[in-house]
Amino acid sequence: MNEDKNPAVENTNAENSPLTEQPLTAETPAPAPKKSGWLPLLSLVLAVAAWVTLAYSTGYYAMCVAGASIITAIFAVRRKTGAWRNVAITALIASAVLIVVVAAFLIVLKIGLE
């Protein structure tokens, strides 16, 4: 009577069952934690705030806000993947352009006034 059994079905012990939890080792990766998108959004908000600050205040304040945006964008790029990473890269580029343009303008003014 035991000869009629399928050998593949016969070997169903608890070790091979997909429902049992396997211990985490170097071979089995840990599940990735879900990360929120607050850091790329913060860098984007700071980049927009830097451009608004440039319109209503001095370039020095705008460069400080843009510097903060660059710092948060660098951390966001290293931490995120996919669309959030693209948002952080966009904020990084926008802040870097602001710093380069304002710094060049201020340097030209200082050289021109001397």
PDB file of N, CA and C in Angstrom:
ATOM      1  N   MET A   1       0.808  -1.177   0.000  1.00  0.00           N
ATOM      2  CA  MET A   1       0.000   0.000   0.000  1.00  0.00           C
ATOM      3  C   MET A   1       0.865   1.260   0.000  1.00  0.00           C
ATOM      4  N   ASN A   2       2.007   1.236   0.597  1.00  0.00           N
ATOM      5  CA  ASN A   2       2.892   2.383   0.618  1.00  0.00           C
ATOM      6  C   ASN A   2       3.616   2.572  -0.704  1.00  0.00           C
ATOM      7  N   GLU A   3       3.635   1.555  -1.573  1.00  0.00           N
ATOM      8  CA  GLU A   3       4.312   1.687  -2.845  1.00  0.00           C
ATOM      9  C   GLU A   3       3.545   2.598  -3.813  1.00  0.00           C
ATOM     10  N   ASP A   4       2.262   2.793  -3.606  1.00  0.00           N
ATOM     11  CA  ASP A   4       1.446   3.600  -4.496  1.00  0.00           C
ATOM     12  C   ASP A   4       1.652   5.110  -4.290  1.00  0.00           C
ATOM     13  N   LYS A   5       2.286   5.505  -3.212  1.00  0.00           N
ATOM     14  CA  LYS A   5       2.445   6.925  -2.906  1.00  0.00           C
ATOM     15  C   LYS A   5       3.466   7.574  -3.829  1.00  0.00           C
ATOM     16  N   ASN A   6       3.223   8.822  -4.121  1.00  0.00           N
ATOM     17  CA  ASN A   6       4.143   9.612  -4.932  1.00  0.00           C
ATOM     18  C   ASN A   6       5.346   9.991  -4.061  1.00  0.00           C
ATOM     19  N   PRO A   7       6.586   9.748  -4.493  1.00  0.00           N
ATOM     20  CA  PRO A   7       7.733  10.072  -3.648  1.00  0.00           C
ATOM     21  C   PRO A   7       7.879  11.576  -3.408  1.00  0.00           C
ATOM     22  N   ALA A   8       7.429  12.415  -4.313  1.00  0.00           N
ATOM     23  CA  ALA A   8       7.547  13.856  -4.111  1.00  0.00           C
ATOM     24  C   ALA A   8       6.611  14.332  -3.015  1.00  0.00           C
ATOM     25  N   VAL A   9       5.447  13.713  -2.920  1.00  0.00           N
ATOM     26  CA  VAL A   9       4.483  14.090  -1.903  1.00  0.00           C
ATOM     27  C   VAL A   9       4.856  13.489  -0.561  1.00  0.00           C
ATOM     28  N   GLU A  10       5.541  12.383  -0.587  1.00  0.00           N
ATOM     29  CA  GLU A  10       5.882  11.674   0.636  1.00  0.00           C
ATOM     30  C   GLU A  10       6.849  12.475   1.494  1.00  0.00           C
ATOM     31  N   ASN A  11       7.718  13.262   0.890  1.00  0.00           N
ATOM     32  CA  ASN A  11       8.741  13.987   1.624  1.00  0.00           C
ATOM     33  C   ASN A  11       8.239  15.393   1.971  1.00  0.00           C
ATOM     34  N   THR A  12       7.221  15.454   2.812  1.00  0.00           N
ATOM     35  CA  THR A  12       6.679  16.752   3.235  1.00  0.00           C
ATOM     36  C   THR A  12       6.889  16.910   4.734  1.00  0.00           C
ATOM     37  N   ASN A  13       8.116  17.093   5.127  1.00  0.00           N
ATOM     38  CA  ASN A  13       8.375  17.340   6.542  1.00  0.00           C
ATOM     39  C   ASN A  13       8.371  18.846   6.801  1.00  0.00           C
ATOM     40  N   ALA A  14       8.461  19.248   8.047  1.00  0.00           N
ATOM     41  CA  ALA A  14       8.339  20.649   8.441  1.00  0.00           C
ATOM     42  C   ALA A  14       9.536  21.484   7.987  1.00  0.00           C
ATOM     43  N   GLU A  15      10.682  20.865   7.750  1.00  0.00           N
ATOM     44  CA  GLU A  15      11.863  21.628   7.340  1.00  0.00           C
ATOM     45  C   GLU A  15      11.715  22.197   5.940  1.00  0.00           C
ATOM     46  N   ASN A  16      11.090  21.475   5.037  1.00  0.00           N
ATOM     47  CA  ASN A  16      10.966  21.914   3.659  1.00  0.00           C
ATOM     48  C   ASN A  16       9.697  22.712   3.393  1.00  0.00           C
ATOM     49  N   SER A  17       8.875  22.868   4.374  1.00  0.00           N
ATOM     50  CA  SER A  17       7.621  23.574   4.193  1.00  0.00           C
ATOM     51  C   SER A  17       7.893  25.072   4.009  1.00  0.00           C
ATOM     52  N   PRO A  18       7.255  25.721   3.031  1.00  0.00           N
ATOM     53  CA  PRO A  18       7.480  27.158   2.833  1.00  0.00           C
ATOM     54  C   PRO A  18       6.857  28.009   3.928  1.00  0.00           C
ATOM     55  N   LEU A  19       6.010  27.418   4.757  1.00  0.00           N
ATOM     56  CA  LEU A  19       5.357  28.173   5.810  1.00  0.00           C
ATOM     57  C   LEU A  19       6.222  28.317   7.050  1.00  0.00           C
ATOM     58  N   THR A  20       7.265  27.511   7.181  1.00  0.00           N
ATOM     59  CA  THR A  20       8.115  27.612   8.359  1.00  0.00           C
ATOM     60  C   THR A  20       9.082  28.765   8.179  1.00  0.00           C
ATOM     61  N   GLU A  21       9.392  29.449   9.262  1.00  0.00           N
ATOM     62  CA  GLU A  21      10.314  30.575   9.196  1.00  0.00           C
ATOM     63  C   GLU A  21      11.738  30.067   9.240  1.00  0.00           C
ATOM     64  N   GLN A  22      12.553  30.583   8.345  1.00  0.00           N
ATOM     65  CA  GLN A  22      13.953  30.221   8.338  1.00  0.00           C
ATOM     66  C   GLN A  22      14.724  31.284   9.092  1.00  0.00           C
ATOM     67  N   PRO A  23      15.777  30.893   9.793  1.00  0.00           N
ATOM     68  CA  PRO A  23      16.563  31.891  10.512  1.00  0.00           C
ATOM     69  C   PRO A  23      17.323  32.774   9.521  1.00  0.00           C
ATOM     70  N   LEU A  24      17.547  34.022   9.918  1.00  0.00           N
ATOM     71  CA  LEU A  24      18.266  34.941   9.051  1.00  0.00           C
ATOM     72  C   LEU A  24      19.755  34.623   9.091  1.00  0.00           C
ATOM     73  N   THR A  25      20.316  34.343   7.964  1.00  0.00           N
ATOM     74  CA  THR A  25      21.745  34.088   7.846  1.00  0.00           C
ATOM     75  C   THR A  25      22.284  34.972   6.733  1.00  0.00           C
ATOM     76  N   ALA A  26      23.544  34.773   6.412  1.00  0.00           N
ATOM     77  CA  ALA A  26      24.144  35.561   5.332  1.00  0.00           C
ATOM     78  C   ALA A  26      23.536  35.189   3.983  1.00  0.00           C
ATOM     79  N   GLU A  27      22.992  33.991   3.877  1.00  0.00           N
ATOM     80  CA  GLU A  27      22.423  33.538   2.616  1.00  0.00           C
ATOM     81  C   GLU A  27      20.991  34.037   2.418  1.00  0.00           C
ATOM     82  N   THR A  28      20.252  34.219   3.492  1.00  0.00           N
ATOM     83  CA  THR A  28      18.880  34.701   3.382  1.00  0.00           C
ATOM     84  C   THR A  28      18.857  36.178   3.765  1.00  0.00           C
ATOM     85  N   PRO A  29      18.556  37.080   2.825  1.00  0.00           N
ATOM     86  CA  PRO A  29      18.568  38.512   3.147  1.00  0.00           C
ATOM     87  C   PRO A  29      17.373  38.889   4.016  1.00  0.00           C
ATOM     88  N   ALA A  30      17.590  39.902   4.844  1.00  0.00           N
ATOM     89  CA  ALA A  30      16.518  40.402   5.688  1.00  0.00           C
ATOM     90  C   ALA A  30      15.533  41.179   4.822  1.00  0.00           C
ATOM     91  N   PRO A  31      14.272  41.187   5.185  1.00  0.00           N
ATOM     92  CA  PRO A  31      13.314  41.967   4.402  1.00  0.00           C
ATOM     93  C   PRO A  31      13.637  43.457   4.508  1.00  0.00           C
ATOM     94  N   ALA A  32      13.502  44.175   3.403  1.00  0.00           N
ATOM     95  CA  ALA A  32      13.842  45.595   3.371  1.00  0.00           C
ATOM     96  C   ALA A  32      12.792  46.392   4.139  1.00  0.00           C
ATOM     97  N   PRO A  33      13.239  47.282   5.022  1.00  0.00           N
ATOM     98  CA  PRO A  33      12.271  48.095   5.745  1.00  0.00           C
ATOM     99  C   PRO A  33      11.657  49.136   4.819  1.00  0.00           C
ATOM    100  N   LYS A  34      10.403  49.462   5.064  1.00  0.00           N
ATOM    101  CA  LYS A  34       9.718  50.447   4.237  1.00  0.00           C
ATOM    102  C   LYS A  34      10.173  51.837   4.669  1.00  0.00           C
ATOM    103  N   LYS A  35      10.648  52.601   3.699  1.00  0.00           N
ATOM    104  CA  LYS A  35      11.164  53.927   3.997  1.00  0.00           C
ATOM    105  C   LYS A  35      10.220  54.974   3.436  1.00  0.00           C
ATOM    106  N   SER A  36      10.035  56.039   4.193  1.00  0.00           N
ATOM    107  CA  SER A  36       9.158  57.104   3.727  1.00  0.00           C
ATOM    108  C   SER A  36       9.962  58.082   2.873  1.00  0.00           C
ATOM    109  N   GLY A  37       9.271  58.947   2.185  1.00  0.00           N
ATOM    110  CA  GLY A  37       9.915  59.886   1.292  1.00  0.00           C
ATOM    111  C   GLY A  37      10.081  61.274   1.876  1.00  0.00           C
ATOM    112  N   TRP A  38      10.246  61.390   3.171  1.00  0.00           N
ATOM    113  CA  TRP A  38      10.295  62.712   3.775  1.00  0.00           C
ATOM    114  C   TRP A  38      11.613  63.426   3.498  1.00  0.00           C
ATOM    115  N   LEU A  39      12.716  62.727   3.368  1.00  0.00           N
ATOM    116  CA  LEU A  39      13.998  63.379   3.145  1.00  0.00           C
ATOM    117  C   LEU A  39      14.115  63.977   1.740  1.00  0.00           C
ATOM    118  N   PRO A  40      13.738  63.265   0.676  1.00  0.00           N
ATOM    119  CA  PRO A  40      13.744  63.924  -0.635  1.00  0.00           C
ATOM    120  C   PRO A  40      12.760  65.088  -0.741  1.00  0.00           C
ATOM    121  N   LEU A  41      11.620  64.952  -0.094  1.00  0.00           N
ATOM    122  CA  LEU A  41      10.657  66.055  -0.112  1.00  0.00           C
ATOM    123  C   LEU A  41      11.186  67.268   0.647  1.00  0.00           C
ATOM    124  N   LEU A  42      11.882  67.020   1.751  1.00  0.00           N
ATOM    125  CA  LEU A  42      12.477  68.114   2.504  1.00  0.00           C
ATOM    126  C   LEU A  42      13.524  68.836   1.662  1.00  0.00           C
ATOM    127  N   SER A  43      14.344  68.079   0.941  1.00  0.00           N
ATOM    128  CA  SER A  43      15.349  68.721   0.102  1.00  0.00           C
ATOM    129  C   SER A  43      14.698  69.517  -1.026  1.00  0.00           C
ATOM    130  N   LEU A  44      13.598  69.026  -1.577  1.00  0.00           N
ATOM    131  CA  LEU A  44      12.888  69.757  -2.622  1.00  0.00           C
ATOM    132  C   LEU A  44      12.261  71.036  -2.074  1.00  0.00           C
ATOM    133  N   VAL A  45      11.663  70.952  -0.900  1.00  0.00           N
ATOM    134  CA  VAL A  45      11.060  72.139  -0.275  1.00  0.00           C
ATOM    135  C   VAL A  45      12.137  73.176   0.032  1.00  0.00           C
ATOM    136  N   LEU A  46      13.295  72.719   0.514  1.00  0.00           N
ATOM    137  CA  LEU A  46      14.388  73.652   0.797  1.00  0.00           C
ATOM    138  C   LEU A  46      14.926  74.292  -0.483  1.00  0.00           C
ATOM    139  N   ALA A  47      14.972  73.538  -1.567  1.00  0.00           N
ATOM    140  CA  ALA A  47      15.436  74.108  -2.840  1.00  0.00           C
ATOM    141  C   ALA A  47      14.483  75.187  -3.336  1.00  0.00           C
ATOM    142  N   VAL A  48      13.199  74.921  -3.253  1.00  0.00           N
ATOM    143  CA  VAL A  48      12.206  75.925  -3.658  1.00  0.00           C
ATOM    144  C   VAL A  48      12.267  77.129  -2.719  1.00  0.00           C
ATOM    145  N   ALA A  49      12.451  76.880  -1.434  1.00  0.00           N
ATOM    146  CA  ALA A  49      12.563  77.973  -0.464  1.00  0.00           C
ATOM    147  C   ALA A  49      13.807  78.812  -0.728  1.00  0.00           C
ATOM    148  N   ALA A  50      14.874  78.195  -1.198  1.00  0.00           N
ATOM    149  CA  ALA A  50      16.086  78.947  -1.519  1.00  0.00           C
ATOM    150  C   ALA A  50      15.836  79.900  -2.679  1.00  0.00           C
ATOM    151  N   TRP A  51      15.116  79.439  -3.707  1.00  0.00           N
ATOM    152  CA  TRP A  51      14.815  80.315  -4.838  1.00  0.00           C
ATOM    153  C   TRP A  51      13.862  81.432  -4.429  1.00  0.00           C
ATOM    154  N   VAL A  52      12.903  81.133  -3.568  1.00  0.00           N
ATOM    155  CA  VAL A  52      11.990  82.173  -3.084  1.00  0.00           C
ATOM    156  C   VAL A  52      12.751  83.167  -2.216  1.00  0.00           C
ATOM    157  N   THR A  53      13.669  82.676  -1.402  1.00  0.00           N
ATOM    158  CA  THR A  53      14.491  83.549  -0.568  1.00  0.00           C
ATOM    159  C   THR A  53      15.341  84.465  -1.433  1.00  0.00           C
ATOM    160  N   LEU A  54      15.837  83.949  -2.546  1.00  0.00           N
ATOM    161  CA  LEU A  54      16.617  84.784  -3.463  1.00  0.00           C
ATOM    162  C   LEU A  54      15.773  85.917  -4.033  1.00  0.00           C
ATOM    163  N   ALA A  55      14.499  85.656  -4.268  1.00  0.00           N
ATOM    164  CA  ALA A  55      13.633  86.689  -4.835  1.00  0.00           C
ATOM    165  C   ALA A  55      13.290  87.777  -3.821  1.00  0.00           C
ATOM    166  N   TYR A  56      13.196  87.415  -2.539  1.00  0.00           N
ATOM    167  CA  TYR A  56      12.734  88.372  -1.539  1.00  0.00           C
ATOM    168  C   TYR A  56      13.790  88.787  -0.526  1.00  0.00           C
ATOM    169  N   SER A  57      15.002  88.271  -0.629  1.00  0.00           N
ATOM    170  CA  SER A  57      16.032  88.582   0.346  1.00  0.00           C
ATOM    171  C   SER A  57      17.378  88.648  -0.361  1.00  0.00           C
ATOM    172  N   THR A  58      18.438  88.590   0.394  1.00  0.00           N
ATOM    173  CA  THR A  58      19.773  88.679  -0.206  1.00  0.00           C
ATOM    174  C   THR A  58      20.233  87.309  -0.696  1.00  0.00           C
ATOM    175  N   GLY A  59      21.242  87.339  -1.526  1.00  0.00           N
ATOM    176  CA  GLY A  59      21.784  86.103  -2.075  1.00  0.00           C
ATOM    177  C   GLY A  59      22.495  85.253  -1.035  1.00  0.00           C
ATOM    178  N   TYR A  60      22.990  85.900   0.010  1.00  0.00           N
ATOM    179  CA  TYR A  60      23.694  85.154   1.048  1.00  0.00           C
ATOM    180  C   TYR A  60      22.749  84.200   1.787  1.00  0.00           C
ATOM    181  N   TYR A  61      21.559  84.697   2.107  1.00  0.00           N
ATOM    182  CA  TYR A  61      20.566  83.836   2.768  1.00  0.00           C
ATOM    183  C   TYR A  61      20.113  82.704   1.843  1.00  0.00           C
ATOM    184  N   ALA A  62      19.938  83.036   0.577  1.00  0.00           N
ATOM    185  CA  ALA A  62      19.510  82.019  -0.390  1.00  0.00           C
ATOM    186  C   ALA A  62      20.572  80.936  -0.542  1.00  0.00           C
ATOM    187  N   MET A  63      21.845  81.337  -0.526  1.00  0.00           N
ATOM    188  CA  MET A  63      22.912  80.336  -0.634  1.00  0.00           C
ATOM    189  C   MET A  63      22.973  79.451   0.607  1.00  0.00           C
ATOM    190  N   CYS A  64      22.664  79.996   1.768  1.00  0.00           N
ATOM    191  CA  CYS A  64      22.626  79.174   2.993  1.00  0.00           C
ATOM    192  C   CYS A  64      21.491  78.150   2.931  1.00  0.00           C
ATOM    193  N   VAL A  65      20.320  78.572   2.486  1.00  0.00           N
ATOM    194  CA  VAL A  65      19.187  77.644   2.369  1.00  0.00           C
ATOM    195  C   VAL A  65      19.474  76.595   1.296  1.00  0.00           C
ATOM    196  N   ALA A  66      20.094  77.013   0.203  1.00  0.00           N
ATOM    197  CA  ALA A  66      20.451  76.069  -0.850  1.00  0.00           C
ATOM    198  C   ALA A  66      21.497  75.069  -0.363  1.00  0.00           C
ATOM    199  N   GLY A  67      22.409  75.518   0.473  1.00  0.00           N
ATOM    200  CA  GLY A  67      23.393  74.603   1.065  1.00  0.00           C
ATOM    201  C   GLY A  67      22.725  73.551   1.936  1.00  0.00           C
ATOM    202  N   ALA A  68      21.728  73.967   2.711  1.00  0.00           N
ATOM    203  CA  ALA A  68      20.974  73.003   3.522  1.00  0.00           C
ATOM    204  C   ALA A  68      20.231  72.013   2.631  1.00  0.00           C
ATOM    205  N   SER A  69      19.709  72.504   1.509  1.00  0.00           N
ATOM    206  CA  SER A  69      19.022  71.622   0.575  1.00  0.00           C
ATOM    207  C   SER A  69      19.980  70.613  -0.050  1.00  0.00           C
ATOM    208  N   ILE A  70      21.178  71.050  -0.361  1.00  0.00           N
ATOM    209  CA  ILE A  70      22.175  70.133  -0.926  1.00  0.00           C
ATOM    210  C   ILE A  70      22.542  69.048   0.073  1.00  0.00           C
ATOM    211  N   ILE A  71      22.712  69.419   1.320  1.00  0.00           N
ATOM    212  CA  ILE A  71      23.068  68.431   2.348  1.00  0.00           C
ATOM    213  C   ILE A  71      21.959  67.393   2.502  1.00  0.00           C
ATOM    214  N   THR A  72      20.705  67.842   2.584  1.00  0.00           N
ATOM    215  CA  THR A  72      19.615  66.871   2.731  1.00  0.00           C
ATOM    216  C   THR A  72      19.440  66.038   1.456  1.00  0.00           C
ATOM    217  N   ALA A  73      19.693  66.635   0.300  1.00  0.00           N
ATOM    218  CA  ALA A  73      19.569  65.879  -0.948  1.00  0.00           C
ATOM    219  C   ALA A  73      20.642  64.808  -1.056  1.00  0.00           C
ATOM    220  N   ILE A  74      21.830  65.089  -0.572  1.00  0.00           N
ATOM    221  CA  ILE A  74      22.898  64.076  -0.603  1.00  0.00           C
ATOM    222  C   ILE A  74      22.512  62.879   0.253  1.00  0.00           C
ATOM    223  N   PHE A  75      21.974  63.141   1.429  1.00  0.00           N
ATOM    224  CA  PHE A  75      21.530  62.027   2.274  1.00  0.00           C
ATOM    225  C   PHE A  75      20.353  61.290   1.641  1.00  0.00           C
ATOM    226  N   ALA A  76      19.471  62.017   0.984  1.00  0.00           N
ATOM    227  CA  ALA A  76      18.312  61.388   0.351  1.00  0.00           C
ATOM    228  C   ALA A  76      18.719  60.531  -0.837  1.00  0.00           C
ATOM    229  N   VAL A  77      19.701  60.977  -1.607  1.00  0.00           N
ATOM    230  CA  VAL A  77      20.152  60.197  -2.763  1.00  0.00           C
ATOM    231  C   VAL A  77      20.797  58.898  -2.302  1.00  0.00           C
ATOM    232  N   ARG A  78      21.532  58.936  -1.229  1.00  0.00           N
ATOM    233  CA  ARG A  78      22.188  57.730  -0.730  1.00  0.00           C
ATOM    234  C   ARG A  78      21.206  56.744  -0.110  1.00  0.00           C
ATOM    235  N   ARG A  79      20.080  57.259   0.378  1.00  0.00           N
ATOM    236  CA  ARG A  79      19.145  56.407   1.117  1.00  0.00           C
ATOM    237  C   ARG A  79      18.026  55.831   0.253  1.00  0.00           C
ATOM    238  N   LYS A  80      17.632  56.543  -0.762  1.00  0.00           N
ATOM    239  CA  LYS A  80      16.454  56.166  -1.538  1.00  0.00           C
ATOM    240  C   LYS A  80      16.801  55.594  -2.899  1.00  0.00           C
ATOM    241  N   THR A  81      15.821  54.956  -3.509  1.00  0.00           N
ATOM    242  CA  THR A  81      15.936  54.475  -4.879  1.00  0.00           C
ATOM    243  C   THR A  81      14.667  54.850  -5.627  1.00  0.00           C
ATOM    244  N   GLY A  82      14.733  54.823  -6.933  1.00  0.00           N
ATOM    245  CA  GLY A  82      13.546  55.031  -7.749  1.00  0.00           C
ATOM    246  C   GLY A  82      13.158  56.483  -7.877  1.00  0.00           C
ATOM    247  N   ALA A  83      11.872  56.751  -7.814  1.00  0.00           N
ATOM    248  CA  ALA A  83      11.347  58.094  -8.054  1.00  0.00           C
ATOM    249  C   ALA A  83      11.778  59.077  -6.973  1.00  0.00           C
ATOM    250  N   TRP A  84      11.862  58.625  -5.733  1.00  0.00           N
ATOM    251  CA  TRP A  84      12.299  59.524  -4.664  1.00  0.00           C
ATOM    252  C   TRP A  84      13.743  59.966  -4.871  1.00  0.00           C
ATOM    253  N   ARG A  85      14.546  59.083  -5.416  1.00  0.00           N
ATOM    254  CA  ARG A  85      15.937  59.442  -5.716  1.00  0.00           C
ATOM    255  C   ARG A  85      15.972  60.517  -6.807  1.00  0.00           C
ATOM    256  N   ASN A  86      15.103  60.405  -7.794  1.00  0.00           N
ATOM    257  CA  ASN A  86      15.033  61.413  -8.848  1.00  0.00           C
ATOM    258  C   ASN A  86      14.609  62.779  -8.300  1.00  0.00           C
ATOM    259  N   VAL A  87      13.703  62.776  -7.335  1.00  0.00           N
ATOM    260  CA  VAL A  87      13.292  64.029  -6.692  1.00  0.00           C
ATOM    261  C   VAL A  87      14.475  64.649  -5.958  1.00  0.00           C
ATOM    262  N   ALA A  88      15.238  63.832  -5.258  1.00  0.00           N
ATOM    263  CA  ALA A  88      16.397  64.340  -4.528  1.00  0.00           C
ATOM    264  C   ALA A  88      17.467  64.868  -5.480  1.00  0.00           C
ATOM    265  N   ILE A  89      17.670  64.197  -6.606  1.00  0.00           N
ATOM    266  CA  ILE A  89      18.651  64.666  -7.589  1.00  0.00           C
ATOM    267  C   ILE A  89      18.202  65.991  -8.195  1.00  0.00           C
ATOM    268  N   THR A  90      16.909  66.146  -8.443  1.00  0.00           N
ATOM    269  CA  THR A  90      16.384  67.400  -8.966  1.00  0.00           C
ATOM    270  C   THR A  90      16.608  68.541  -7.979  1.00  0.00           C
ATOM    271  N   ALA A  91      16.353  68.284  -6.707  1.00  0.00           N
ATOM    272  CA  ALA A  91      16.582  69.306  -5.684  1.00  0.00           C
ATOM    273  C   ALA A  91      18.069  69.633  -5.575  1.00  0.00           C
ATOM    274  N   LEU A  92      18.909  68.646  -5.705  1.00  0.00           N
ATOM    275  CA  LEU A  92      20.355  68.859  -5.648  1.00  0.00           C
ATOM    276  C   LEU A  92      20.814  69.750  -6.797  1.00  0.00           C
ATOM    277  N   ILE A  93      20.334  69.475  -7.996  1.00  0.00           N
ATOM    278  CA  ILE A  93      20.715  70.275  -9.162  1.00  0.00           C
ATOM    279  C   ILE A  93      20.186  71.702  -9.037  1.00  0.00           C
ATOM    280  N   ALA A  94      18.945  71.863  -8.602  1.00  0.00           N
ATOM    281  CA  ALA A  94      18.363  73.203  -8.463  1.00  0.00           C
ATOM    282  C   ALA A  94      19.127  74.034  -7.441  1.00  0.00           C
ATOM    283  N   SER A  95      19.525  73.416  -6.343  1.00  0.00           N
ATOM    284  CA  SER A  95      20.273  74.141  -5.316  1.00  0.00           C
ATOM    285  C   SER A  95      21.685  74.460  -5.776  1.00  0.00           C
ATOM    286  N   ALA A  96      22.308  73.529  -6.471  1.00  0.00           N
ATOM    287  CA  ALA A  96      23.663  73.766  -6.960  1.00  0.00           C
ATOM    288  C   ALA A  96      23.680  74.889  -7.997  1.00  0.00           C
ATOM    289  N   VAL A  97      22.677  74.931  -8.867  1.00  0.00           N
ATOM    290  CA  VAL A  97      22.589  76.009  -9.863  1.00  0.00           C
ATOM    291  C   VAL A  97      22.420  77.346  -9.164  1.00  0.00           C
ATOM    292  N   LEU A  98      21.583  77.394  -8.145  1.00  0.00           N
ATOM    293  CA  LEU A  98      21.386  78.641  -7.417  1.00  0.00           C
ATOM    294  C   LEU A  98      22.700  79.111  -6.800  1.00  0.00           C
ATOM    295  N   ILE A  99      23.432  78.218  -6.170  1.00  0.00           N
ATOM    296  CA  ILE A  99      24.691  78.603  -5.529  1.00  0.00           C
ATOM    297  C   ILE A  99      25.704  79.080  -6.559  1.00  0.00           C
ATOM    298  N   VAL A 100      25.814  78.379  -7.673  1.00  0.00           N
ATOM    299  CA  VAL A 100      26.786  78.764  -8.702  1.00  0.00           C
ATOM    300  C   VAL A 100      26.428  80.122  -9.298  1.00  0.00           C
ATOM    301  N   VAL A 101      25.165  80.350  -9.612  1.00  0.00           N
ATOM    302  CA  VAL A 101      24.755  81.609 -10.238  1.00  0.00           C
ATOM    303  C   VAL A 101      24.923  82.776  -9.278  1.00  0.00           C
ATOM    304  N   VAL A 102      24.491  82.620  -8.044  1.00  0.00           N
ATOM    305  CA  VAL A 102      24.590  83.716  -7.080  1.00  0.00           C
ATOM    306  C   VAL A 102      26.050  83.983  -6.723  1.00  0.00           C
ATOM    307  N   ALA A 103      26.837  82.937  -6.552  1.00  0.00           N
ATOM    308  CA  ALA A 103      28.253  83.131  -6.239  1.00  0.00           C
ATOM    309  C   ALA A 103      28.970  83.831  -7.394  1.00  0.00           C
ATOM    310  N   ALA A 104      28.670  83.444  -8.623  1.00  0.00           N
ATOM    311  CA  ALA A 104      29.290  84.109  -9.775  1.00  0.00           C
ATOM    312  C   ALA A 104      28.868  85.575  -9.842  1.00  0.00           C
ATOM    313  N   PHE A 105      27.615  85.845  -9.581  1.00  0.00           N
ATOM    314  CA  PHE A 105      27.126  87.227  -9.596  1.00  0.00           C
ATOM    315  C   PHE A 105      27.809  88.057  -8.511  1.00  0.00           C
ATOM    316  N   LEU A 106      27.930  87.505  -7.314  1.00  0.00           N
ATOM    317  CA  LEU A 106      28.565  88.236  -6.221  1.00  0.00           C
ATOM    318  C   LEU A 106      30.056  88.455  -6.496  1.00  0.00           C
ATOM    319  N   ILE A 107      30.714  87.476  -7.095  1.00  0.00           N
ATOM    320  CA  ILE A 107      32.136  87.636  -7.421  1.00  0.00           C
ATOM    321  C   ILE A 107      32.325  88.713  -8.482  1.00  0.00           C
ATOM    322  N   VAL A 108      31.478  88.718  -9.498  1.00  0.00           N
ATOM    323  CA  VAL A 108      31.563  89.740 -10.530  1.00  0.00           C
ATOM    324  C   VAL A 108      31.304  91.115  -9.956  1.00  0.00           C
ATOM    325  N   LEU A 109      30.352  91.238  -9.040  1.00  0.00           N
ATOM    326  CA  LEU A 109      30.088  92.527  -8.402  1.00  0.00           C
ATOM    327  C   LEU A 109      31.296  92.994  -7.585  1.00  0.00           C
ATOM    328  N   LYS A 110      31.908  92.113  -6.848  1.00  0.00           N
ATOM    329  CA  LYS A 110      33.046  92.508  -6.022  1.00  0.00           C
ATOM    330  C   LYS A 110      34.217  92.930  -6.888  1.00  0.00           C
ATOM    331  N   ILE A 111      34.469  92.188  -7.972  1.00  0.00           N
ATOM    332  CA  ILE A 111      35.572  92.555  -8.866  1.00  0.00           C
ATOM    333  C   ILE A 111      35.246  93.864  -9.594  1.00  0.00           C
ATOM    334  N   GLY A 112      33.999  94.014 -10.003  1.00  0.00           N
ATOM    335  CA  GLY A 112      33.601  95.222 -10.723  1.00  0.00           C
ATOM    336  C   GLY A 112      33.612  96.465  -9.857  1.00  0.00           C
ATOM    337  N   LEU A 113      33.366  96.330  -8.577  1.00  0.00           N
ATOM    338  CA  LEU A 113      33.326  97.500  -7.689  1.00  0.00           C
ATOM    339  C   LEU A 113      34.701  97.884  -7.162  1.00  0.00           C
ATOM    340  N   GLU A 114      35.699  97.071  -7.374  1.00  0.00           N
ATOM    341  CA  GLU A 114      37.030  97.409  -6.870  1.00  0.00           C
ATOM    342  C   GLU A 114      37.823  98.224  -7.825  1.00  0.00           C
TER     343      GLU A 114
END
